[in-house]
Amino acid sequence: MRESWTYQCVIRGVGRGSRSATIDRVISRIDLRGAAAAEGSPAAGIDRDLLPRAELDVEAALEKVRPICEDVHHRGTAALIDYAERFDGVRIDRVRVPAEALARALDGLDPDVRAALEESIRRARLVHREQRRTDATVKVVPGGTVTERWVPVERVGLYVPGGNAVYPSSVVMNVVPAQEAGVASLAVSSPPQKDFGGLPHPTILAACALLGVDEVYAAGGAQAVAMFAYGTEECRPAQLVTGPGNIWVAAAKRLLKGRIGIDAEAGPTEIAILADDTADASHVAADLISQAEHDTLAAAVLVTPSEPLAEAVEAALATQVAATKHRERITEALAGRQSGIVLVDSLDHGLAVVDAYAAEHLEIQTENAAEVAARVRNAGAVFVGPYAPVSLGDYCAGSNHVLPTGGCACHSSGLSVQSFLRGIHVVDYTRDALAEVTRHVVTLAEAEDLPAHGAALKARFDWKVPE
């Protein structure tokens, strides 16, 4: 249910669930025990409104980003410079990052950070290289073939967010699949930073340099998406824009979709953990905190049939949050309506719940975790067992961390090589092969009242419908 709740009470609504919070509880509980899905109903039978989720009004944001995008369309670089001052608090002279700044950032990169980035890149390449597709030709009939060619997008714009944290890992996750797909022209944009003279964060620049990316722009938010969509004096238009971002980035993607292709309208990060009483409560708590660290709107959800585990996780959260660096941000995220501990009747019920939730990141910390994970249908990425935490996927698993959020994992995939490829069908028929099928084409064309379609084939032959 979607009602607010107060301390020291349990609220029950018209739905099948209940939500509770106590004055010393870090995270609320949602009790779905006894719901119909416990008897084996599929995810479609779960009321998704009962589940925690951040509320984002992208439609409302559209009207705020529309004039920004139009301004960039008409004024180009000058508009980007003005928005850097307005939104990022720094006046810049140019938007494109000079080559010497990239080289300087790489030279100044901490050796340990460089080694970690290089290992992240190596592992990501191993995984994404195997996603490459090869052209396939099917012989439909003698003399008639259809070939599917896989052609990379010509030019892409890759967005790397700023904000509460620095994300060189998002450079890796955007750039590696684009490069492995064979994209000829790619550009990265990241918000200008006041502390670094209006350049993106130097670790972002160093990651670009490590990957051989020399076209980088100091632009953030909706204005960066508009730059890639319309082009400016410094930046050629792109055909596709990928990468995570805040609600303004998501709104600009929605607004400009059609003029550009997009990967997804990314929302706040999410972690869901399906766990039973074999899970280590301290591990579960640490993993929930790891994603709550991103943003006050980050979602951290535990789904479990074990009330003792829920209680142990609550206790571990209280201890661990108090000791972490970003405890204020984490506390707000865990206390928000987007986070919670969901009590279910069984693991089968829990699977139905996590499939309905369709998390960006889903951890399985249960007995026989691999078997349980194999039954998951909806998730951006699945992390199996106690030694595959989401943090591994964020950096060095080899998988991609640009994943669908907000329940979109039920119909969408994360970023991959395929995101940057287009399938083109090439049809090649001989005269005899076309003649052999002309009767069927004419029949179907006339059944659809499109006789000119059939006439286009009949014109190639002295063809008449037999008596």
Protein backbone atom coordinates (compact mmCIF):
# COMPACT_ATOMS: atom_id res chain seq x y z
CA MET A 1 0.00 0.00 0.00
CA ARG A 2 1.08 3.57 -0.57
CA GLU A 3 0.14 5.29 2.67
CA SER A 4 2.35 7.32 4.92
CA TRP A 5 3.14 5.78 8.28
CA THR A 6 3.86 7.04 11.77
CA TYR A 7 6.13 5.88 14.55
CA GLN A 8 5.06 3.01 16.83
CA CYS A 9 2.21 1.87 14.64
CA VAL A 10 1.18 -0.50 11.91
CA ILE A 11 -1.01 0.91 9.15
CA ARG A 12 -3.32 -1.38 7.23
CA GLY A 13 -5.07 -0.22 4.09
CA VAL A 14 -7.30 -1.62 1.45
CA GLY A 15 -4.43 -3.60 -0.05
CA ARG A 16 -3.17 -6.94 1.21
CA GLY A 17 -0.06 -5.57 2.89
CA SER A 18 0.90 -3.60 5.93
CA ARG A 19 3.78 -1.26 6.59
CA SER A 20 5.30 -0.47 9.96
CA ALA A 21 8.05 1.64 11.45
CA THR A 22 9.25 2.20 15.02
CA ILE A 23 11.05 5.14 16.49
CA ASP A 24 14.39 3.30 16.52
CA ARG A 25 13.96 1.39 13.26
CA VAL A 26 16.28 2.40 10.42
CA ILE A 27 14.05 0.92 7.73
CA SER A 28 10.32 0.18 7.58
CA ARG A 29 8.66 -3.19 7.16
CA ILE A 30 6.01 -4.21 4.65
CA ASP A 31 4.15 -7.38 5.57
CA LEU A 32 2.86 -9.28 2.53
CA ARG A 33 2.39 -12.58 4.33
CA GLY A 34 -0.92 -14.11 3.45
CA ALA A 35 -1.06 -12.44 0.03
CA ALA A 36 -2.42 -14.46 -2.87
CA ALA A 37 1.00 -14.87 -4.46
CA ALA A 38 1.95 -17.15 -1.58
CA GLU A 39 -0.17 -19.85 -3.22
CA GLY A 40 1.92 -19.67 -6.37
CA SER A 41 0.46 -16.71 -8.22
CA PRO A 42 2.89 -15.26 -10.78
CA ALA A 43 4.51 -11.86 -10.51
CA ALA A 44 1.61 -10.43 -12.50
CA GLY A 45 -0.61 -11.23 -9.52
CA ILE A 46 1.42 -9.03 -7.17
CA ASP A 47 0.12 -5.51 -6.62
CA ARG A 48 3.20 -3.47 -7.42
CA ASP A 49 1.77 -0.53 -5.49
CA LEU A 50 2.43 -2.50 -2.32
CA LEU A 51 6.15 -2.49 -3.02
CA PRO A 52 8.65 0.26 -2.17
CA ARG A 53 9.47 2.61 -5.03
CA ALA A 54 10.79 6.13 -5.35
CA GLU A 55 8.33 8.61 -6.77
CA LEU A 56 9.68 10.50 -9.78
CA ASP A 57 7.52 12.80 -11.87
CA VAL A 58 9.40 12.84 -15.16
CA GLU A 59 6.39 14.40 -16.90
CA ALA A 60 6.57 17.43 -14.60
CA ALA A 61 10.30 17.70 -15.21
CA LEU A 62 9.68 17.75 -18.97
CA GLU A 63 8.30 21.26 -18.86
CA LYS A 64 11.37 22.47 -16.98
CA VAL A 65 13.89 20.91 -19.35
CA ARG A 66 12.05 21.86 -22.55
CA PRO A 67 13.22 25.53 -22.58
CA ILE A 68 16.75 24.43 -21.67
CA CYS A 69 16.90 22.02 -24.59
CA GLU A 70 15.43 24.60 -26.96
CA ASP A 71 17.99 27.15 -25.79
CA VAL A 72 20.85 24.76 -26.49
CA HIS A 73 19.30 24.04 -29.89
CA HIS A 74 19.30 27.72 -30.81
CA ARG A 75 22.34 29.13 -28.99
CA GLY A 76 24.63 26.12 -28.85
CA THR A 77 27.87 26.55 -26.92
CA ALA A 78 26.87 29.93 -25.48
CA ALA A 79 23.85 28.31 -23.82
CA LEU A 80 25.98 25.50 -22.40
CA ILE A 81 28.40 28.03 -20.91
CA ASP A 82 25.53 29.94 -19.31
CA TYR A 83 24.00 26.78 -17.84
CA ALA A 84 27.36 25.72 -16.40
CA GLU A 85 27.38 28.98 -14.46
CA ARG A 86 23.72 28.68 -13.47
CA PHE A 87 23.60 25.03 -12.43
CA ASP A 88 27.21 24.12 -11.67
CA GLY A 89 28.40 27.42 -10.23
CA VAL A 90 31.37 27.89 -12.53
CA ARG A 91 32.01 30.10 -15.55
CA ILE A 92 33.81 28.23 -18.31
CA ASP A 93 35.41 29.53 -21.50
CA ARG A 94 34.82 26.45 -23.62
CA VAL A 95 32.84 23.25 -23.33
CA ARG A 96 35.19 20.77 -25.00
CA VAL A 97 37.93 19.55 -22.70
CA PRO A 98 41.42 20.27 -24.10
CA ALA A 99 43.62 17.29 -24.94
CA GLU A 100 46.26 18.50 -22.51
CA ALA A 101 43.75 18.36 -19.65
CA LEU A 102 43.06 14.70 -20.42
CA ALA A 103 46.76 13.90 -20.52
CA ARG A 104 47.38 15.82 -17.30
CA ALA A 105 44.58 13.96 -15.53
CA LEU A 106 45.99 10.61 -16.56
CA ASP A 107 49.50 11.57 -15.50
CA GLY A 108 48.20 12.64 -12.11
CA LEU A 109 46.03 9.58 -11.52
CA ASP A 110 46.77 7.66 -8.34
CA PRO A 111 48.59 4.43 -9.37
CA ASP A 112 46.24 2.24 -7.35
CA VAL A 113 43.18 3.86 -8.93
CA ARG A 114 44.75 3.42 -12.36
CA ALA A 115 45.42 -0.26 -11.71
CA ALA A 116 41.85 -0.77 -10.52
CA LEU A 117 40.42 1.01 -13.57
CA GLU A 118 42.63 -1.01 -15.90
CA GLU A 119 41.41 -4.24 -14.32
CA SER A 120 37.80 -3.05 -14.58
CA ILE A 121 38.35 -2.26 -18.26
CA ARG A 122 40.01 -5.64 -18.88
CA ARG A 123 37.16 -7.60 -17.34
CA ALA A 124 34.49 -5.52 -19.05
CA ARG A 125 36.15 -6.11 -22.42
CA LEU A 126 36.21 -9.86 -21.83
CA VAL A 127 32.47 -9.95 -21.21
CA HIS A 128 31.38 -7.42 -23.81
CA ARG A 129 33.59 -8.83 -26.57
CA GLU A 130 31.60 -12.06 -26.38
CA GLN A 131 28.41 -10.07 -27.06
CA ARG A 132 29.49 -9.18 -30.57
CA ARG A 133 27.11 -10.42 -33.24
CA THR A 134 27.95 -11.87 -36.61
CA ASP A 135 25.99 -11.45 -39.82
CA ALA A 136 23.69 -14.38 -40.55
CA THR A 137 22.32 -15.41 -43.96
CA VAL A 138 19.26 -17.65 -44.20
CA LYS A 139 18.40 -19.44 -47.44
CA VAL A 140 14.62 -19.11 -47.52
CA VAL A 141 14.15 -20.79 -50.91
CA PRO A 142 16.52 -21.61 -53.77
CA GLY A 143 17.62 -18.21 -55.05
CA GLY A 144 16.11 -16.31 -52.11
CA THR A 145 18.08 -15.24 -49.04
CA VAL A 146 17.69 -12.86 -46.13
CA THR A 147 20.83 -11.66 -44.40
CA GLU A 148 20.80 -9.88 -41.07
CA ARG A 149 23.69 -7.43 -40.91
CA TRP A 150 24.75 -5.89 -37.61
CA VAL A 151 25.86 -2.31 -38.09
CA PRO A 152 27.10 -0.07 -35.27
CA VAL A 153 25.57 3.32 -34.65
CA GLU A 154 27.77 5.92 -36.35
CA ARG A 155 28.12 8.34 -33.43
CA VAL A 156 27.09 8.14 -29.77
CA GLY A 157 27.04 10.52 -26.84
CA LEU A 158 27.90 8.94 -23.50
CA TYR A 159 26.75 10.67 -20.34
CA VAL A 160 28.62 10.30 -17.05
CA PRO A 161 26.90 11.87 -14.02
CA GLY A 162 28.44 14.07 -11.36
CA GLY A 163 26.60 15.01 -8.16
CA ASN A 164 27.21 13.24 -4.86
CA ALA A 165 29.97 10.99 -6.18
CA VAL A 166 32.55 10.59 -8.93
CA TYR A 167 31.82 7.87 -11.48
CA PRO A 168 34.85 6.81 -13.53
CA SER A 169 33.28 3.35 -13.49
CA SER A 170 30.41 4.75 -15.57
CA VAL A 171 32.95 5.87 -18.15
CA VAL A 172 34.08 2.26 -18.41
CA MET A 173 30.54 0.88 -18.57
CA ASN A 174 29.51 3.28 -21.35
CA VAL A 175 32.66 3.32 -23.44
CA VAL A 176 33.67 -0.36 -23.47
CA PRO A 177 30.47 -1.75 -25.08
CA ALA A 178 30.41 1.12 -27.59
CA GLN A 179 34.00 0.40 -28.57
CA GLU A 180 33.42 -3.35 -28.74
CA ALA A 181 30.39 -2.73 -30.95
CA GLY A 182 32.63 -0.84 -33.38
CA VAL A 183 31.18 2.64 -32.92
CA ALA A 184 33.40 4.93 -35.00
CA SER A 185 32.75 8.20 -33.16
CA LEU A 186 31.98 8.56 -29.47
CA ALA A 187 32.00 11.50 -27.11
CA VAL A 188 31.70 11.68 -23.32
CA SER A 189 30.03 14.46 -21.37
CA SER A 190 30.17 15.04 -17.62
CA PRO A 191 29.24 18.09 -15.52
CA PRO A 192 31.84 20.84 -15.01
CA GLN A 193 33.23 20.99 -11.48
CA LYS A 194 33.87 24.29 -9.72
CA ASP A 195 36.71 22.73 -7.71
CA PHE A 196 38.55 21.78 -10.90
CA GLY A 197 38.34 24.99 -12.87
CA GLY A 198 35.19 24.07 -14.77
CA LEU A 199 36.51 20.74 -16.04
CA PRO A 200 34.85 17.42 -15.23
CA HIS A 201 36.40 15.60 -12.30
CA PRO A 202 40.01 14.61 -13.12
CA THR A 203 39.32 10.92 -12.41
CA ILE A 204 36.59 11.02 -15.06
CA LEU A 205 39.05 12.59 -17.49
CA ALA A 206 41.73 10.04 -16.62
CA ALA A 207 39.31 7.16 -17.27
CA CYS A 208 38.50 8.66 -20.68
CA ALA A 209 42.19 8.93 -21.47
CA LEU A 210 42.80 5.31 -20.39
CA LEU A 211 40.10 4.21 -22.85
CA GLY A 212 41.45 6.35 -25.68
CA VAL A 213 38.51 8.76 -25.66
CA ASP A 214 39.73 12.21 -26.69
CA GLU A 215 36.36 13.94 -27.22
CA VAL A 216 35.09 14.99 -23.81
CA TYR A 217 32.73 17.82 -22.87
CA ALA A 218 32.10 19.73 -19.65
CA ALA A 219 28.31 19.70 -19.75
CA GLY A 220 25.78 18.15 -17.40
CA GLY A 221 22.09 17.55 -17.02
CA ALA A 222 19.47 18.16 -19.69
CA GLN A 223 21.75 20.56 -21.53
CA ALA A 224 24.28 17.77 -22.19
CA VAL A 225 21.58 15.57 -23.72
CA ALA A 226 20.44 18.50 -25.88
CA MET A 227 24.04 19.09 -26.98
CA PHE A 228 24.26 15.52 -28.25
CA ALA A 229 20.82 15.68 -29.84
CA TYR A 230 21.17 18.97 -31.72
CA GLY A 231 24.91 19.49 -31.93
CA THR A 232 26.76 22.74 -31.27
CA GLU A 233 29.71 24.61 -32.73
CA GLU A 234 32.03 22.26 -30.83
CA CYS A 235 30.06 19.00 -30.80
CA ARG A 236 28.56 17.15 -33.74
CA PRO A 237 25.10 15.61 -33.20
CA ALA A 238 24.94 11.99 -32.11
CA GLN A 239 22.43 9.32 -33.10
CA LEU A 240 22.28 7.70 -29.66
CA VAL A 241 22.73 8.89 -26.07
CA THR A 242 23.41 6.46 -23.24
CA GLY A 243 24.31 6.63 -19.58
CA PRO A 244 22.68 7.19 -16.19
CA GLY A 245 21.71 10.57 -14.79
CA ASN A 246 19.30 12.46 -12.59
CA ILE A 247 15.64 13.25 -13.27
CA TRP A 248 16.60 16.16 -15.56
CA VAL A 249 18.68 13.84 -17.73
CA ALA A 250 15.80 11.34 -17.80
CA ALA A 251 13.33 14.06 -18.78
CA ALA A 252 15.59 15.36 -21.55
CA LYS A 253 15.95 11.83 -22.90
CA ARG A 254 12.18 11.44 -22.97
CA LEU A 255 11.73 14.84 -24.60
CA LEU A 256 14.32 14.25 -27.32
CA LYS A 257 13.68 10.57 -27.96
CA GLY A 258 13.02 10.21 -31.64
CA ARG A 259 15.54 12.84 -32.60
CA ILE A 260 18.05 10.67 -30.79
CA GLY A 261 17.97 7.09 -29.63
CA ILE A 262 18.30 6.48 -25.90
CA ASP A 263 19.21 3.52 -23.76
CA ALA A 264 16.72 4.19 -20.95
CA GLU A 265 15.27 6.84 -18.67
CA ALA A 266 17.40 5.94 -15.67
CA GLY A 267 16.03 6.64 -12.21
CA PRO A 268 17.56 6.33 -8.75
CA THR A 269 19.58 3.19 -8.13
CA GLU A 270 17.92 0.12 -6.60
CA ILE A 271 18.99 -3.00 -4.80
CA ALA A 272 16.66 -5.83 -3.88
CA ILE A 273 17.87 -8.81 -1.89
CA LEU A 274 15.97 -12.09 -1.71
CA ALA A 275 17.26 -13.86 1.38
CA ASP A 276 16.33 -16.70 3.70
CA ASP A 277 17.56 -17.64 7.15
CA THR A 278 20.86 -18.95 5.73
CA ALA A 279 21.91 -15.39 4.83
CA ASP A 280 24.42 -13.44 6.92
CA ALA A 281 22.55 -10.40 8.28
CA SER A 282 25.71 -8.28 8.36
CA HIS A 283 26.33 -8.98 4.66
CA VAL A 284 22.74 -8.15 3.77
CA ALA A 285 22.86 -4.89 5.74
CA ALA A 286 26.18 -3.87 4.19
CA ASP A 287 24.82 -4.48 0.69
CA LEU A 288 21.66 -2.46 1.35
CA ILE A 289 23.81 0.40 2.66
CA SER A 290 26.13 0.22 -0.35
CA GLN A 291 23.35 1.29 -2.71
CA ALA A 292 21.69 3.69 -0.27
CA GLU A 293 25.01 5.54 -0.31
CA HIS A 294 24.36 6.76 -3.86
CA ASP A 295 21.46 9.11 -3.26
CA THR A 296 18.71 9.99 -0.82
CA LEU A 297 16.25 8.49 -3.34
CA ALA A 298 18.20 5.24 -3.70
CA ALA A 299 16.08 2.16 -3.00
CA ALA A 300 17.19 -0.64 -0.69
CA VAL A 301 14.75 -3.54 -0.38
CA LEU A 302 15.05 -6.86 1.46
CA VAL A 303 12.52 -9.58 0.64
CA THR A 304 12.54 -12.48 3.08
CA PRO A 305 10.31 -15.17 4.59
CA SER A 306 12.45 -15.06 7.75
CA GLU A 307 11.33 -12.63 10.46
CA PRO A 308 14.44 -13.43 12.56
CA LEU A 309 16.63 -12.41 9.59
CA ALA A 310 14.62 -9.20 9.20
CA GLU A 311 15.22 -8.36 12.85
CA ALA A 312 18.93 -9.17 12.59
CA VAL A 313 19.28 -7.02 9.47
CA GLU A 314 17.54 -4.11 11.20
CA ALA A 315 19.99 -4.39 14.09
CA ALA A 316 22.97 -4.61 11.73
CA LEU A 317 21.73 -1.59 9.77
CA ALA A 318 21.53 0.52 12.91
CA THR A 319 25.11 -0.34 13.81
CA GLN A 320 26.61 -0.07 10.34
CA VAL A 321 24.85 3.14 9.31
CA ALA A 322 26.12 4.91 12.41
CA ALA A 323 29.68 4.04 11.42
CA THR A 324 29.57 4.92 7.72
CA LYS A 325 30.86 8.10 6.10
CA HIS A 326 27.66 9.22 4.37
CA ARG A 327 25.28 8.28 7.19
CA GLU A 328 22.93 11.23 6.70
CA ARG A 329 22.36 10.43 3.03
CA ILE A 330 22.08 6.71 3.76
CA THR A 331 19.69 7.22 6.67
CA GLU A 332 17.36 9.28 4.50
CA ALA A 333 17.44 6.71 1.71
CA LEU A 334 16.73 3.78 4.04
CA ALA A 335 13.93 5.66 5.78
CA GLY A 336 12.30 6.72 2.51
CA ARG A 337 9.21 5.13 1.01
CA GLN A 338 11.42 3.57 -1.68
CA SER A 339 13.13 1.28 0.85
CA GLY A 340 11.85 -1.44 3.14
CA ILE A 341 11.98 -4.99 4.42
CA VAL A 342 9.25 -7.05 2.77
CA LEU A 343 8.07 -10.11 4.70
CA VAL A 344 6.72 -12.96 2.57
CA ASP A 345 5.40 -16.45 3.25
CA SER A 346 8.03 -18.46 1.37
CA LEU A 347 10.84 -18.27 -1.15
CA ASP A 348 8.32 -18.93 -3.93
CA HIS A 349 6.30 -15.96 -2.72
CA GLY A 350 9.52 -13.95 -2.50
CA LEU A 351 10.41 -14.82 -6.09
CA ALA A 352 7.00 -13.59 -7.23
CA VAL A 353 7.57 -10.35 -5.32
CA VAL A 354 11.06 -9.66 -6.71
CA ASP A 355 9.85 -10.48 -10.22
CA ALA A 356 7.04 -7.96 -9.78
CA TYR A 357 9.51 -5.42 -8.38
CA ALA A 358 11.96 -6.00 -11.31
CA ALA A 359 14.96 -4.53 -9.54
CA GLU A 360 17.93 -2.90 -11.19
CA HIS A 361 20.18 -5.09 -9.01
CA LEU A 362 18.90 -8.31 -7.42
CA GLU A 363 20.96 -10.33 -4.96
CA ILE A 364 20.01 -13.93 -4.14
CA GLN A 365 21.29 -14.88 -0.70
CA THR A 366 19.50 -18.15 -0.07
CA GLU A 367 20.16 -21.84 0.21
CA ASN A 368 20.82 -23.18 -3.31
CA ALA A 369 21.19 -19.61 -4.52
CA ALA A 370 22.13 -20.56 -8.09
CA GLU A 371 18.95 -22.62 -8.49
CA VAL A 372 16.83 -19.80 -7.10
CA ALA A 373 18.59 -17.25 -9.34
CA ALA A 374 17.86 -19.37 -12.40
CA ARG A 375 14.15 -18.90 -11.73
CA VAL A 376 14.33 -15.08 -11.75
CA ARG A 377 12.67 -13.51 -14.79
CA ASN A 378 12.82 -9.78 -14.10
CA ALA A 379 16.01 -8.05 -13.02
CA GLY A 380 18.64 -5.79 -14.55
CA ALA A 381 21.39 -8.01 -13.15
CA VAL A 382 21.32 -10.94 -10.74
CA PHE A 383 24.03 -11.51 -8.13
CA VAL A 384 24.27 -15.07 -6.87
CA GLY A 385 25.23 -16.03 -3.34
CA PRO A 386 27.17 -14.32 -0.55
CA TYR A 387 30.28 -13.61 -2.62
CA ALA A 388 28.71 -11.71 -5.52
CA PRO A 389 27.61 -8.40 -3.97
CA VAL A 390 26.29 -5.58 -6.13
CA SER A 391 29.46 -3.59 -5.44
CA LEU A 392 31.39 -6.20 -7.44
CA GLY A 393 29.12 -5.55 -10.42
CA ASP A 394 29.49 -1.82 -9.99
CA TYR A 395 33.20 -2.07 -10.67
CA CYS A 396 34.94 -5.31 -11.53
CA ALA A 397 32.64 -8.26 -12.22
CA GLY A 398 32.89 -7.67 -15.98
CA SER A 399 29.14 -7.10 -16.22
CA ASN A 400 27.64 -3.71 -17.04
CA HIS A 401 26.24 -1.47 -14.31
CA VAL A 402 24.11 0.74 -16.57
CA LEU A 403 20.85 -1.10 -15.90
CA PRO A 404 17.07 -0.52 -16.09
CA THR A 405 15.46 1.04 -13.01
CA GLY A 406 11.95 1.80 -11.81
CA GLY A 407 10.59 -1.64 -12.69
CA CYS A 408 11.69 -1.38 -16.32
CA ALA A 409 13.71 -4.60 -16.01
CA CYS A 410 10.48 -6.47 -16.82
CA HIS A 411 10.83 -5.27 -20.43
CA SER A 412 14.29 -3.75 -20.87
CA SER A 413 17.92 -4.81 -20.62
CA GLY A 414 21.07 -3.18 -19.37
CA LEU A 415 23.65 -1.52 -21.57
CA SER A 416 25.53 -3.95 -23.79
CA VAL A 417 27.19 -4.22 -27.18
CA GLN A 418 23.73 -4.79 -28.67
CA SER A 419 22.69 -1.34 -27.44
CA PHE A 420 25.03 0.17 -30.03
CA LEU A 421 24.15 -2.12 -32.94
CA ARG A 422 21.34 -2.05 -35.48
CA GLY A 423 20.10 -5.12 -37.29
CA ILE A 424 19.53 -4.54 -41.02
CA HIS A 425 17.80 -7.17 -43.13
CA VAL A 426 19.22 -7.55 -46.63
CA VAL A 427 16.81 -9.29 -49.01
CA ASP A 428 18.29 -10.91 -52.14
CA TYR A 429 15.98 -12.83 -54.52
CA THR A 430 16.55 -14.07 -58.06
CA ARG A 431 13.94 -13.71 -60.80
CA ASP A 432 12.85 -17.32 -60.44
CA ALA A 433 12.59 -17.07 -56.66
CA LEU A 434 10.41 -13.95 -56.92
CA ALA A 435 8.24 -15.53 -59.61
CA GLU A 436 7.63 -18.55 -57.40
CA VAL A 437 6.15 -16.46 -54.58
CA THR A 438 4.39 -13.73 -56.59
CA ARG A 439 0.98 -15.44 -56.34
CA HIS A 440 1.11 -15.29 -52.52
CA VAL A 441 2.26 -11.69 -52.41
CA VAL A 442 -0.51 -10.60 -54.79
CA THR A 443 -3.11 -12.50 -52.79
CA LEU A 444 -2.04 -10.94 -49.49
CA ALA A 445 -1.79 -7.45 -51.01
CA GLU A 446 -5.31 -7.65 -52.36
CA ALA A 447 -6.59 -9.08 -49.05
CA GLU A 448 -5.26 -5.91 -47.43
CA ASP A 449 -6.75 -3.73 -50.17
CA LEU A 450 -3.31 -2.62 -51.31
CA PRO A 451 -3.39 -3.73 -54.95
CA ALA A 452 -0.43 -1.55 -55.95
CA HIS A 453 1.76 -3.73 -53.75
CA GLY A 454 0.88 -6.72 -55.86
CA ALA A 455 1.15 -4.72 -59.07
CA ALA A 456 4.79 -3.94 -58.23
CA LEU A 457 5.53 -7.66 -58.56
CA LYS A 458 3.29 -8.29 -61.57
CA ALA A 459 5.07 -5.50 -63.45
CA ARG A 460 8.22 -7.63 -63.44
CA PHE A 461 6.49 -10.44 -65.27
CA ASP A 462 3.77 -10.73 -67.86
CA TRP A 463 1.69 -12.04 -65.00
CA LYS A 464 -2.03 -12.48 -64.72
CA VAL A 465 -4.11 -14.13 -62.07
CA PRO A 466 -4.98 -17.56 -63.46
CA GLU A 467 -8.63 -18.24 -64.27
